[in-house]
Amino acid sequence: MIYDTAIIGGGPAGLSAAVTAAARNLSAVLFDAGDFAPALRKSHSIKNYLGMPDQSGKALMDAFLAHAKEGGAVVVPHKVLSVMSLKDHFYLATPGDIYEAKTVILAPGVAHGKGLTGEADYLGRGISYCATCDGNFYKGKHIGVITTLESGWEEVLFLASLAAEVDVWATYPVPAFTEKNIRIRTGKPTAVEGGEKVTALKTTEGTEPVDGIFILRETDPLEKLLPGLKLDGRFIAVNRQMATSVDGVFAAGDCTGLPWQINKAAGEGQVALLSVASWLQEHRQ
C-alpha cells in the first residue's frame, strides 16, 4: 500500500498531523519507537495547554494518542532508519519492513544535548543506530550499547543473543535479565575512539575497549535520515507551510526549532498535514 503521507514521530506534532489526516480523509502511517514523547510523559503538570490545564504529560500524550488511533492512523512501533525518494513517492525503511508514501512529515523531535565526540565520524565504521540492521556483523564480538529508551531493551537482548559481550550504559532502571553476557556499566559515555574502525568507548569512569557501539536513543541525527535535507543549525529548515528543502517532505514540532512548546508543535503538525493535502491536490495524487 502507498499511503498519502508517512509521519515520522509520535509526539504532539506527529499525532496532530495524524488527526488532521483523518479529518481530510487521507491515509496516514505513523512511526514511533514505542514511547511516544518519553520526555514529555515525565512532566508532572502542564499548565499552558489550551483548554486542558494542569494535565500531566502522560495524561496529555495518552489523550493525543487515543485521538489519533480513533481516526484510523496506522501506528508502526519502529524507528524509521532512512527515507529515499524514488520517482513519484518515498520509501521508508524500518528494522523490519519497507513502507511507501506519497509524502512525508518529519516530526521526530530533537536530540537534547550533544552527541558523543567522534560519533558522526564513525557512523558505518562501528557506530550503529539499529540492532536489527547491524547486529549480525558483531556475532561473537564485544560491543557497547548506549540506550535512553526503555522500549530499546528488547534490542539489547537481541544483541546479547549475537555478541560475546555486551556492555550497557542505560539512562533508566533496566528490567531483570538472565543473559550472562550483559554487563550494566556506570559512568557517562563521552567519546568514541578508534582508527579505521571503533576500538573503544570513553566514559567518565574510564575507557572500555569494544568492537562496535550501538546507540539506541529517541532521535537520531537529522541529517542521517534523508539525503538532501537542508538544516538550519541543528534544526530542519522549513517555510511557513512547513515545507522542507525536499519536495513532498514537510516537518513540524521541535525538529523545526524553538520554542519547544506543545501548542506550537501541535499547530505545526496541523499546518504540515494541510500542506500535504494541498501538495497532493497540486500533484493530482
Protein backbone atom coordinates (compact mmCIF):
# COMPACT_ATOMS: atom_id res chain seq x y z
CA MET A 1 0.00 0.00 0.00
CA ILE A 2 1.15 3.52 -0.78
CA TYR A 3 -0.03 5.89 1.96
CA ASP A 4 -0.91 9.51 1.29
CA THR A 5 1.56 10.50 3.98
CA ALA A 6 4.07 8.92 6.33
CA ILE A 7 4.53 10.66 9.68
CA ILE A 8 7.81 10.11 11.48
CA GLY A 9 7.41 10.75 15.20
CA GLY A 10 4.61 10.21 17.70
CA GLY A 11 4.86 13.38 19.74
CA PRO A 12 2.32 16.25 19.70
CA ALA A 13 3.30 17.33 16.16
CA GLY A 14 3.09 13.87 14.64
CA LEU A 15 -0.16 12.94 16.37
CA SER A 16 -1.72 16.28 15.43
CA ALA A 17 -0.82 15.57 11.81
CA ALA A 18 -2.40 12.10 12.09
CA VAL A 19 -5.64 13.53 13.49
CA THR A 20 -5.78 16.12 10.70
CA ALA A 21 -5.11 13.43 8.09
CA ALA A 22 -8.23 11.60 9.27
CA ALA A 23 -10.24 14.83 9.05
CA ARG A 24 -9.09 15.28 5.44
CA ASN A 25 -9.72 11.61 4.52
CA LEU A 26 -6.05 10.97 3.80
CA SER A 27 -4.36 7.68 4.61
CA ALA A 28 -1.52 8.00 7.10
CA VAL A 29 1.06 5.74 8.68
CA LEU A 30 2.79 6.98 11.81
CA PHE A 31 6.15 5.67 13.04
CA ASP A 32 7.30 5.84 16.64
CA ALA A 33 9.82 3.72 18.51
CA GLY A 34 7.14 2.97 21.08
CA ASP A 35 7.46 5.53 23.86
CA PHE A 36 5.52 8.45 22.29
CA ALA A 37 7.33 11.56 23.60
CA PRO A 38 9.04 10.00 26.65
CA ALA A 39 10.48 13.31 27.86
CA LEU A 40 7.04 14.96 27.83
CA ARG A 41 5.50 11.97 29.60
CA LYS A 42 7.77 12.63 32.59
CA SER A 43 6.25 16.07 33.20
CA HIS A 44 4.08 16.08 36.34
CA SER A 45 1.98 19.10 35.38
CA ILE A 46 1.45 21.08 32.17
CA LYS A 47 -0.38 24.33 32.83
CA ASN A 48 -0.38 26.11 29.47
CA TYR A 49 -2.00 23.70 27.00
CA LEU A 50 -5.15 25.41 25.74
CA GLY A 51 -8.33 24.01 27.27
CA MET A 52 -6.56 21.28 29.25
CA PRO A 53 -4.76 22.94 32.18
CA ASP A 54 -2.98 21.02 34.94
CA GLN A 55 -2.64 17.80 32.97
CA SER A 56 0.33 15.51 33.44
CA GLY A 57 2.45 14.88 30.38
CA LYS A 58 1.41 11.24 30.41
CA ALA A 59 -2.31 12.07 30.53
CA LEU A 60 -1.95 14.57 27.70
CA MET A 61 0.02 12.19 25.48
CA ASP A 62 -2.40 9.33 26.18
CA ALA A 63 -5.27 11.57 25.07
CA PHE A 64 -3.39 12.63 21.92
CA LEU A 65 -2.56 9.03 21.01
CA ALA A 66 -6.11 7.78 21.59
CA HIS A 67 -7.46 10.58 19.39
CA ALA A 68 -5.07 9.68 16.56
CA LYS A 69 -5.90 5.98 16.75
CA GLU A 70 -9.63 6.70 16.75
CA GLY A 71 -9.13 8.46 13.42
CA GLY A 72 -7.68 5.31 11.89
CA ALA A 73 -3.98 6.16 11.69
CA VAL A 74 -1.79 3.09 11.25
CA VAL A 75 0.83 3.14 14.02
CA VAL A 76 4.10 1.28 13.41
CA PRO A 77 6.15 0.78 16.62
CA HIS A 78 9.52 1.09 14.91
CA LYS A 79 12.06 3.76 14.17
CA VAL A 80 12.48 4.90 10.57
CA LEU A 81 16.11 4.37 9.64
CA SER A 82 16.14 6.11 6.28
CA VAL A 83 13.90 7.81 3.73
CA MET A 84 14.53 7.57 0.00
CA SER A 85 12.78 9.47 -2.79
CA LEU A 86 12.26 7.35 -5.91
CA LYS A 87 10.16 8.57 -8.84
CA ASP A 88 6.78 9.74 -7.55
CA HIS A 89 6.86 8.58 -3.91
CA PHE A 90 9.03 7.76 -0.93
CA TYR A 91 10.39 4.55 0.56
CA LEU A 92 10.81 4.41 4.34
CA ALA A 93 13.00 1.70 5.83
CA THR A 94 12.41 0.37 9.35
CA PRO A 95 14.26 -2.52 11.04
CA GLY A 96 11.53 -4.90 9.91
CA ASP A 97 9.98 -3.64 6.68
CA ILE A 98 9.79 -1.08 3.88
CA TYR A 99 6.83 1.33 3.66
CA GLU A 100 5.76 3.59 0.81
CA ALA A 101 4.12 7.01 0.92
CA LYS A 102 3.42 9.88 -1.44
CA THR A 103 4.58 12.47 1.08
CA VAL A 104 6.48 12.55 4.38
CA ILE A 105 6.06 14.61 7.54
CA LEU A 106 9.14 14.71 9.75
CA ALA A 107 8.26 15.14 13.42
CA PRO A 108 10.96 13.17 15.23
CA GLY A 109 11.62 15.74 17.92
CA VAL A 110 15.15 16.86 18.60
CA ALA A 111 18.05 15.22 20.36
CA HIS A 112 18.61 17.17 23.58
CA GLY A 113 22.27 17.53 24.35
CA LYS A 114 25.24 16.82 22.15
CA GLY A 115 26.13 13.52 20.58
CA LEU A 116 29.28 11.70 21.57
CA THR A 117 32.57 13.14 20.43
CA GLY A 118 33.54 11.16 17.34
CA GLU A 119 30.05 9.65 16.89
CA ALA A 120 29.46 11.12 13.44
CA ASP A 121 32.99 10.26 12.30
CA TYR A 122 32.49 6.55 12.97
CA LEU A 123 28.98 6.14 11.58
CA GLY A 124 29.14 2.96 9.49
CA ARG A 125 32.58 2.16 10.92
CA GLY A 126 31.49 0.80 14.28
CA ILE A 127 28.65 3.16 15.23
CA SER A 128 25.12 1.91 14.57
CA TYR A 129 21.62 3.06 15.46
CA CYS A 130 19.87 -0.20 14.52
CA ALA A 131 20.37 -3.56 16.25
CA THR A 132 18.26 -5.46 13.73
CA CYS A 133 20.15 -4.00 10.77
CA ASP A 134 23.71 -4.38 12.00
CA GLY A 135 23.66 -6.84 14.88
CA ASN A 136 24.81 -9.79 12.77
CA PHE A 137 28.07 -8.00 11.99
CA TYR A 138 29.03 -8.41 15.65
CA LYS A 139 28.49 -12.11 16.23
CA GLY A 140 30.93 -13.30 18.86
CA LYS A 141 32.30 -9.80 19.43
CA HIS A 142 32.42 -7.29 22.28
CA ILE A 143 30.01 -4.38 21.88
CA GLY A 144 28.83 -1.39 23.84
CA VAL A 145 25.19 -0.29 23.91
CA ILE A 146 24.01 3.17 24.96
CA THR A 147 20.25 3.18 25.50
CA THR A 148 17.97 6.03 26.53
CA LEU A 149 14.70 4.32 25.57
CA GLU A 150 13.07 1.73 27.80
CA SER A 151 11.48 0.25 24.69
CA GLY A 152 15.01 -0.29 23.39
CA TRP A 153 15.71 -3.03 25.95
CA GLU A 154 14.36 -5.64 23.54
CA GLU A 155 17.12 -4.64 21.12
CA VAL A 156 19.69 -5.01 23.88
CA LEU A 157 18.53 -8.60 24.43
CA PHE A 158 18.67 -9.25 20.69
CA LEU A 159 22.26 -8.02 20.58
CA ALA A 160 23.10 -10.22 23.56
CA SER A 161 21.95 -13.25 21.55
CA LEU A 162 24.64 -12.47 18.97
CA ALA A 163 27.60 -10.82 20.68
CA ALA A 164 30.01 -12.45 23.10
CA GLU A 165 29.99 -9.49 25.48
CA VAL A 166 27.52 -6.61 25.78
CA ASP A 167 28.33 -3.64 27.98
CA VAL A 168 25.24 -1.47 28.56
CA TRP A 169 25.02 2.17 29.59
CA ALA A 170 21.34 2.89 30.29
CA THR A 171 19.66 6.09 31.45
CA TYR A 172 16.75 4.16 33.02
CA PRO A 173 16.39 1.30 35.53
CA VAL A 174 16.87 -1.82 33.42
CA PRO A 175 14.46 -4.74 33.84
CA ALA A 176 15.57 -8.07 35.27
CA PHE A 177 17.51 -10.24 32.84
CA THR A 178 19.20 -13.64 32.80
CA GLU A 179 21.70 -13.16 29.98
CA LYS A 180 25.15 -13.77 31.43
CA ASN A 181 26.97 -11.78 28.75
CA ILE A 182 25.26 -8.47 29.62
CA ARG A 183 27.04 -6.10 31.98
CA ILE A 184 25.38 -2.93 33.23
CA ARG A 185 28.01 -0.21 33.36
CA THR A 186 28.13 3.08 35.23
CA GLY A 187 29.58 6.39 34.14
CA LYS A 188 28.52 8.65 31.30
CA PRO A 189 29.68 7.88 27.75
CA THR A 190 31.54 10.87 26.31
CA ALA A 191 33.55 9.89 23.23
CA VAL A 192 34.18 7.26 20.59
CA GLU A 193 37.77 6.23 19.96
CA GLY A 194 39.38 4.26 17.16
CA GLY A 195 41.40 4.24 13.96
CA GLU A 196 39.83 2.90 10.78
CA LYS A 197 37.05 1.49 12.96
CA VAL A 198 35.76 1.93 16.50
CA THR A 199 38.04 0.43 19.13
CA ALA A 200 36.80 1.91 22.40
CA LEU A 201 34.14 3.93 24.22
CA LYS A 202 35.36 6.60 26.59
CA THR A 203 33.25 7.35 29.67
CA THR A 204 33.57 9.48 32.78
CA GLU A 205 34.85 6.38 34.56
CA GLY A 206 37.42 5.21 32.05
CA THR A 207 37.81 3.72 28.57
CA GLU A 208 36.20 0.41 27.57
CA PRO A 209 37.61 -1.50 24.55
CA VAL A 210 34.76 -2.51 22.20
CA ASP A 211 34.39 -3.72 18.63
CA GLY A 212 31.29 -1.63 17.99
CA ILE A 213 28.79 0.71 19.65
CA PHE A 214 25.01 0.71 19.28
CA ILE A 215 23.24 3.94 20.24
CA LEU A 216 19.52 3.47 20.92
CA ARG A 217 18.01 6.88 21.50
CA GLU A 218 14.69 8.56 20.71
CA THR A 219 16.02 10.77 17.93
CA ASP A 220 18.98 10.12 15.67
CA PRO A 221 20.92 12.91 13.90
CA LEU A 222 18.51 14.60 11.48
CA GLU A 223 21.00 14.81 8.61
CA LYS A 224 21.22 10.99 8.60
CA LEU A 225 17.54 10.50 7.84
CA LEU A 226 17.03 11.93 4.36
CA PRO A 227 19.56 12.86 1.64
CA GLY A 228 19.31 16.49 0.58
CA LEU A 229 17.52 17.66 3.71
CA LYS A 230 18.62 21.21 4.49
CA LEU A 231 19.25 22.12 8.10
CA ASP A 232 19.29 25.48 9.84
CA GLY A 233 21.87 24.84 12.50
CA ARG A 234 20.64 21.79 14.39
CA PHE A 235 17.06 22.12 13.12
CA ILE A 236 15.23 21.30 9.87
CA ALA A 237 14.81 24.38 7.68
CA VAL A 238 11.14 24.98 6.76
CA ASN A 239 8.95 27.74 5.34
CA ARG A 240 5.57 28.88 6.69
CA GLN A 241 3.88 25.90 5.05
CA MET A 242 6.32 23.62 6.94
CA ALA A 243 7.85 22.52 3.63
CA THR A 244 11.47 21.38 3.71
CA SER A 245 14.14 21.56 1.02
CA VAL A 246 12.96 18.19 -0.34
CA ASP A 247 9.82 18.32 -2.48
CA GLY A 248 6.95 16.44 -0.85
CA VAL A 249 8.59 16.42 2.58
CA PHE A 250 7.33 18.59 5.43
CA ALA A 251 8.45 18.97 9.05
CA ALA A 252 6.82 20.00 12.32
CA GLY A 253 7.46 20.28 16.02
CA ASP A 254 10.68 20.55 18.00
CA CYS A 255 12.77 19.49 14.98
CA THR A 256 11.99 22.83 13.29
CA GLY A 257 13.37 24.95 16.13
CA LEU A 258 12.43 26.93 19.20
CA PRO A 259 10.22 27.43 21.12
CA TRP A 260 9.82 23.85 22.30
CA GLN A 261 6.16 24.10 23.26
CA ILE A 262 3.30 21.61 22.93
CA ASN A 263 0.90 24.19 21.45
CA LYS A 264 3.45 25.17 18.82
CA ALA A 265 4.21 21.55 17.91
CA ALA A 266 0.54 20.56 17.59
CA GLY A 267 -0.18 23.62 15.45
CA GLU A 268 2.75 22.92 13.15
CA GLY A 269 1.63 19.31 12.79
CA GLN A 270 -1.75 20.50 11.56
CA VAL A 271 -0.20 23.02 9.16
CA ALA A 272 2.15 20.35 7.79
CA LEU A 273 -0.73 17.98 7.06
CA LEU A 274 -2.82 20.69 5.41
CA SER A 275 0.22 21.48 3.26
CA VAL A 276 0.41 17.79 2.39
CA ALA A 277 -3.23 17.91 1.29
CA SER A 278 -2.51 20.91 -0.93
CA TRP A 279 0.61 19.24 -2.34
CA LEU A 280 -1.31 16.07 -3.21
CA GLN A 281 -4.01 18.14 -4.92
CA GLU A 282 -1.47 20.09 -6.93
CA HIS A 283 0.26 16.89 -7.99
CA ARG A 284 -3.08 15.13 -8.52
CA GLN A 285 -2.17 12.17 -6.35
